[in-house]
Amino acid sequence: MLARSDLPLLVDFYATWCGPCQMMSPILTAVQTKMKGKLQVVKIDTDKYPGIASQHRIQALPTIALFIGGKMVFRFEGVLNEGQIIDKVNYYLNGAAAGQQKQ
């Protein structure tokens, strides 16, 4: 799934019992709306899909990761506001970080 998308993916690794994850849900909905056509937001419940979480070494929730061309180029753990997320995503989508990876 992560490797087959034509659009960059902003993946929300979350769990239903996680309070900070619940805080991120409306923020990511707003990001999806503002970046429609440039980005797809995908939610992955780590309790339902532990294999995917393990494959990407998810150890804290929420973890938000940006995948471009199937490759994770950025990730953060915890809560950021809408503007911070859009700024980070635009940084990578605009090629400013070509060849670089931040964690």
N, C-alpha and C. Protein backbone atom coordinates (compact mmCIF):
# COMPACT_ATOMS: atom_id res chain seq x y z
N MET A 1 0.82 -1.20 0.00
CA MET A 1 0.00 0.00 0.00
C MET A 1 0.86 1.26 0.00
N LEU A 2 1.86 1.32 0.88
CA LEU A 2 2.68 2.53 0.99
C LEU A 2 3.54 2.74 -0.25
N ALA A 3 3.90 1.67 -0.92
CA ALA A 3 4.77 1.79 -2.10
C ALA A 3 3.99 2.03 -3.39
N ARG A 4 2.67 1.83 -3.37
CA ARG A 4 1.90 1.88 -4.61
C ARG A 4 1.17 3.19 -4.84
N SER A 5 1.32 4.15 -4.01
CA SER A 5 0.56 5.39 -4.14
C SER A 5 1.23 6.35 -5.12
N ASP A 6 0.42 6.96 -5.98
CA ASP A 6 0.93 8.00 -6.88
C ASP A 6 1.18 9.30 -6.13
N LEU A 7 0.38 9.56 -5.11
CA LEU A 7 0.55 10.76 -4.29
C LEU A 7 1.43 10.45 -3.09
N PRO A 8 2.16 11.44 -2.59
CA PRO A 8 2.85 11.25 -1.32
C PRO A 8 1.82 10.90 -0.24
N LEU A 9 2.24 10.08 0.71
CA LEU A 9 1.35 9.65 1.79
C LEU A 9 1.83 10.20 3.12
N LEU A 10 0.92 10.78 3.86
CA LEU A 10 1.17 11.16 5.24
C LEU A 10 0.46 10.11 6.08
N VAL A 11 1.24 9.25 6.73
CA VAL A 11 0.69 8.10 7.42
C VAL A 11 0.65 8.36 8.92
N ASP A 12 -0.53 8.19 9.48
CA ASP A 12 -0.77 8.35 10.91
C ASP A 12 -0.81 6.96 11.53
N PHE A 13 0.26 6.60 12.25
CA PHE A 13 0.28 5.36 13.01
C PHE A 13 -0.32 5.68 14.38
N TYR A 14 -1.44 5.06 14.70
CA TYR A 14 -2.19 5.42 15.90
C TYR A 14 -2.79 4.19 16.56
N ALA A 15 -3.40 4.41 17.72
CA ALA A 15 -4.22 3.39 18.38
C ALA A 15 -5.45 4.08 18.94
N THR A 16 -6.55 3.36 18.99
CA THR A 16 -7.81 3.97 19.42
C THR A 16 -7.78 4.41 20.88
N TRP A 17 -6.96 3.78 21.71
CA TRP A 17 -6.88 4.10 23.13
C TRP A 17 -5.93 5.26 23.42
N CYS A 18 -5.24 5.77 22.42
CA CYS A 18 -4.19 6.78 22.58
C CYS A 18 -4.79 8.19 22.55
N GLY A 19 -4.72 8.91 23.68
CA GLY A 19 -5.26 10.26 23.76
C GLY A 19 -4.63 11.23 22.77
N PRO A 20 -3.30 11.33 22.71
CA PRO A 20 -2.68 12.22 21.74
C PRO A 20 -3.03 11.86 20.29
N CYS A 21 -3.25 10.58 20.02
CA CYS A 21 -3.66 10.16 18.68
C CYS A 21 -5.03 10.75 18.34
N GLN A 22 -5.92 10.76 19.31
CA GLN A 22 -7.24 11.33 19.10
C GLN A 22 -7.16 12.83 18.84
N MET A 23 -6.19 13.50 19.48
CA MET A 23 -5.98 14.93 19.23
C MET A 23 -5.52 15.19 17.80
N MET A 24 -4.75 14.26 17.24
CA MET A 24 -4.21 14.43 15.89
C MET A 24 -5.26 14.24 14.80
N SER A 25 -6.31 13.49 15.07
CA SER A 25 -7.28 13.16 14.03
C SER A 25 -7.88 14.38 13.33
N PRO A 26 -8.42 15.38 14.05
CA PRO A 26 -8.97 16.55 13.35
C PRO A 26 -7.89 17.39 12.68
N ILE A 27 -6.69 17.38 13.24
CA ILE A 27 -5.58 18.13 12.64
C ILE A 27 -5.23 17.52 11.29
N LEU A 28 -5.15 16.20 11.23
CA LEU A 28 -4.81 15.53 9.97
C LEU A 28 -5.94 15.64 8.95
N THR A 29 -7.17 15.69 9.42
CA THR A 29 -8.30 15.92 8.51
C THR A 29 -8.17 17.29 7.85
N ALA A 30 -7.79 18.30 8.64
CA ALA A 30 -7.59 19.65 8.10
C ALA A 30 -6.42 19.69 7.13
N VAL A 31 -5.33 18.99 7.45
CA VAL A 31 -4.18 18.91 6.55
C VAL A 31 -4.60 18.27 5.23
N GLN A 32 -5.35 17.19 5.29
CA GLN A 32 -5.82 16.50 4.08
C GLN A 32 -6.65 17.45 3.22
N THR A 33 -7.53 18.21 3.84
CA THR A 33 -8.39 19.15 3.11
C THR A 33 -7.56 20.24 2.43
N LYS A 34 -6.61 20.80 3.16
CA LYS A 34 -5.80 21.90 2.61
C LYS A 34 -4.83 21.43 1.54
N MET A 35 -4.44 20.16 1.58
CA MET A 35 -3.44 19.66 0.64
C MET A 35 -4.05 18.68 -0.36
N LYS A 36 -5.34 18.78 -0.57
CA LYS A 36 -6.04 17.88 -1.49
C LYS A 36 -5.39 17.92 -2.87
N GLY A 37 -5.14 16.74 -3.42
CA GLY A 37 -4.52 16.63 -4.72
C GLY A 37 -3.00 16.59 -4.67
N LYS A 38 -2.42 16.97 -3.53
CA LYS A 38 -0.96 16.96 -3.36
C LYS A 38 -0.50 15.85 -2.43
N LEU A 39 -1.42 15.36 -1.61
CA LEU A 39 -1.06 14.48 -0.51
C LEU A 39 -2.26 13.64 -0.12
N GLN A 40 -2.01 12.42 0.30
CA GLN A 40 -3.08 11.57 0.83
C GLN A 40 -2.74 11.22 2.28
N VAL A 41 -3.68 11.41 3.18
CA VAL A 41 -3.50 11.02 4.58
C VAL A 41 -4.07 9.62 4.75
N VAL A 42 -3.28 8.75 5.37
CA VAL A 42 -3.66 7.36 5.62
C VAL A 42 -3.50 7.08 7.10
N LYS A 43 -4.49 6.43 7.69
CA LYS A 43 -4.43 6.08 9.11
C LYS A 43 -4.20 4.57 9.23
N ILE A 44 -3.23 4.19 10.07
CA ILE A 44 -2.96 2.77 10.31
C ILE A 44 -3.05 2.52 11.81
N ASP A 45 -4.03 1.71 12.19
CA ASP A 45 -4.23 1.33 13.59
C ASP A 45 -3.18 0.27 13.93
N THR A 46 -2.26 0.62 14.80
CA THR A 46 -1.14 -0.28 15.11
C THR A 46 -1.60 -1.53 15.87
N ASP A 47 -2.76 -1.47 16.51
CA ASP A 47 -3.29 -2.67 17.17
C ASP A 47 -3.84 -3.66 16.14
N LYS A 48 -4.41 -3.15 15.06
CA LYS A 48 -4.96 -4.02 14.01
C LYS A 48 -3.89 -4.49 13.03
N TYR A 49 -2.86 -3.67 12.85
CA TYR A 49 -1.80 -3.98 11.87
C TYR A 49 -0.42 -3.87 12.52
N PRO A 50 -0.14 -4.71 13.52
CA PRO A 50 1.15 -4.62 14.21
C PRO A 50 2.34 -4.92 13.30
N GLY A 51 2.13 -5.72 12.27
CA GLY A 51 3.23 -6.04 11.35
C GLY A 51 3.72 -4.82 10.60
N ILE A 52 2.79 -3.98 10.16
CA ILE A 52 3.17 -2.75 9.46
C ILE A 52 3.90 -1.81 10.42
N ALA A 53 3.38 -1.71 11.65
CA ALA A 53 4.03 -0.85 12.65
C ALA A 53 5.45 -1.35 12.94
N SER A 54 5.60 -2.65 13.08
CA SER A 54 6.91 -3.23 13.34
C SER A 54 7.86 -3.01 12.17
N GLN A 55 7.37 -3.19 10.96
CA GLN A 55 8.19 -3.00 9.77
C GLN A 55 8.77 -1.59 9.71
N HIS A 56 8.01 -0.61 10.18
CA HIS A 56 8.47 0.78 10.15
C HIS A 56 9.01 1.26 11.49
N ARG A 57 9.24 0.30 12.40
CA ARG A 57 9.85 0.56 13.71
C ARG A 57 9.09 1.64 14.50
N ILE A 58 7.79 1.51 14.53
CA ILE A 58 6.96 2.45 15.28
C ILE A 58 7.00 2.03 16.75
N GLN A 59 7.50 2.92 17.61
CA GLN A 59 7.63 2.61 19.02
C GLN A 59 6.86 3.57 19.92
N ALA A 60 6.37 4.67 19.35
CA ALA A 60 5.61 5.65 20.12
C ALA A 60 4.40 6.08 19.30
N LEU A 61 3.36 6.48 20.00
CA LEU A 61 2.14 6.92 19.33
C LEU A 61 1.75 8.31 19.80
N PRO A 62 1.23 9.11 18.92
CA PRO A 62 1.15 8.88 17.48
C PRO A 62 2.51 9.08 16.82
N THR A 63 2.75 8.35 15.75
CA THR A 63 3.88 8.61 14.87
C THR A 63 3.30 8.94 13.51
N ILE A 64 3.74 10.06 12.96
CA ILE A 64 3.29 10.51 11.65
C ILE A 64 4.50 10.42 10.72
N ALA A 65 4.32 9.77 9.58
CA ALA A 65 5.43 9.59 8.64
C ALA A 65 5.01 10.02 7.25
N LEU A 66 5.94 10.67 6.55
CA LEU A 66 5.71 11.08 5.17
C LEU A 66 6.45 10.13 4.25
N PHE A 67 5.70 9.51 3.33
CA PHE A 67 6.27 8.61 2.33
C PHE A 67 6.15 9.25 0.96
N ILE A 68 7.26 9.32 0.25
CA ILE A 68 7.27 9.81 -1.13
C ILE A 68 7.89 8.71 -1.97
N GLY A 69 7.17 8.26 -2.99
CA GLY A 69 7.66 7.18 -3.83
C GLY A 69 7.89 5.89 -3.06
N GLY A 70 7.10 5.68 -2.01
CA GLY A 70 7.22 4.47 -1.21
C GLY A 70 8.30 4.51 -0.16
N LYS A 71 9.05 5.60 -0.08
CA LYS A 71 10.16 5.73 0.86
C LYS A 71 9.81 6.73 1.95
N MET A 72 10.04 6.35 3.21
CA MET A 72 9.82 7.27 4.31
C MET A 72 10.90 8.35 4.27
N VAL A 73 10.49 9.60 4.18
CA VAL A 73 11.45 10.71 4.11
C VAL A 73 11.44 11.56 5.37
N PHE A 74 10.40 11.40 6.18
CA PHE A 74 10.30 12.20 7.40
C PHE A 74 9.32 11.52 8.34
N ARG A 75 9.60 11.64 9.64
CA ARG A 75 8.65 11.15 10.64
C ARG A 75 8.80 11.95 11.91
N PHE A 76 7.72 12.01 12.66
CA PHE A 76 7.77 12.63 13.97
C PHE A 76 6.83 11.88 14.90
N GLU A 77 7.14 11.97 16.17
CA GLU A 77 6.32 11.33 17.19
C GLU A 77 5.68 12.42 18.03
N GLY A 78 4.43 12.23 18.39
CA GLY A 78 3.74 13.20 19.22
C GLY A 78 2.81 14.08 18.39
N VAL A 79 2.44 15.21 18.99
CA VAL A 79 1.44 16.08 18.39
C VAL A 79 2.09 17.35 17.84
N LEU A 80 1.78 17.67 16.59
CA LEU A 80 2.14 18.95 15.99
C LEU A 80 0.85 19.61 15.54
N ASN A 81 0.89 20.94 15.39
CA ASN A 81 -0.31 21.61 14.89
C ASN A 81 -0.35 21.55 13.37
N GLU A 82 -1.48 21.96 12.83
CA GLU A 82 -1.71 21.90 11.38
C GLU A 82 -0.64 22.64 10.59
N GLY A 83 -0.31 23.85 11.01
CA GLY A 83 0.69 24.65 10.30
C GLY A 83 2.06 24.01 10.30
N GLN A 84 2.45 23.44 11.43
CA GLN A 84 3.75 22.77 11.51
C GLN A 84 3.81 21.58 10.57
N ILE A 85 2.75 20.82 10.52
CA ILE A 85 2.72 19.65 9.64
C ILE A 85 2.78 20.07 8.18
N ILE A 86 1.98 21.05 7.80
CA ILE A 86 1.97 21.53 6.41
C ILE A 86 3.33 22.08 6.02
N ASP A 87 3.98 22.83 6.92
CA ASP A 87 5.32 23.35 6.63
C ASP A 87 6.31 22.22 6.39
N LYS A 88 6.29 21.20 7.24
CA LYS A 88 7.21 20.06 7.08
C LYS A 88 6.93 19.32 5.77
N VAL A 89 5.67 19.07 5.48
CA VAL A 89 5.31 18.35 4.26
C VAL A 89 5.74 19.15 3.04
N ASN A 90 5.45 20.44 3.02
CA ASN A 90 5.83 21.27 1.87
C ASN A 90 7.34 21.31 1.68
N TYR A 91 8.09 21.29 2.77
CA TYR A 91 9.55 21.27 2.69
C TYR A 91 10.01 20.08 1.85
N TYR A 92 9.43 18.92 2.10
CA TYR A 92 9.83 17.72 1.37
C TYR A 92 9.19 17.65 -0.01
N LEU A 93 7.96 18.09 -0.15
CA LEU A 93 7.31 18.04 -1.46
C LEU A 93 7.95 19.00 -2.45
N ASN A 94 8.49 20.10 -1.97
CA ASN A 94 9.12 21.09 -2.85
C ASN A 94 10.56 20.74 -3.19
N GLY A 95 11.04 19.60 -2.71
CA GLY A 95 12.38 19.15 -3.07
C GLY A 95 13.50 19.84 -2.33
N ALA A 96 13.17 20.63 -1.32
CA ALA A 96 14.21 21.34 -0.57
C ALA A 96 15.11 20.38 0.18
N ALA A 97 14.61 19.19 0.42
CA ALA A 97 15.40 18.22 1.17
C ALA A 97 15.87 17.08 0.29
N ALA A 98 16.03 17.35 -0.99
CA ALA A 98 16.44 16.29 -1.93
C ALA A 98 17.71 15.61 -1.43
N GLY A 99 17.61 14.31 -1.29
CA GLY A 99 18.77 13.53 -0.86
C GLY A 99 19.00 13.56 0.64
N GLN A 100 18.14 14.25 1.39
CA GLN A 100 18.32 14.33 2.83
C GLN A 100 17.15 13.63 3.51
N GLN A 101 17.40 13.16 4.72
CA GLN A 101 16.34 12.55 5.51
C GLN A 101 16.46 13.05 6.93
N LYS A 102 15.36 13.54 7.48
CA LYS A 102 15.33 13.99 8.87
C LYS A 102 14.51 13.01 9.68
N GLN A 103 14.89 12.85 10.92
CA GLN A 103 14.12 12.00 11.83
C GLN A 103 13.71 12.82 13.01
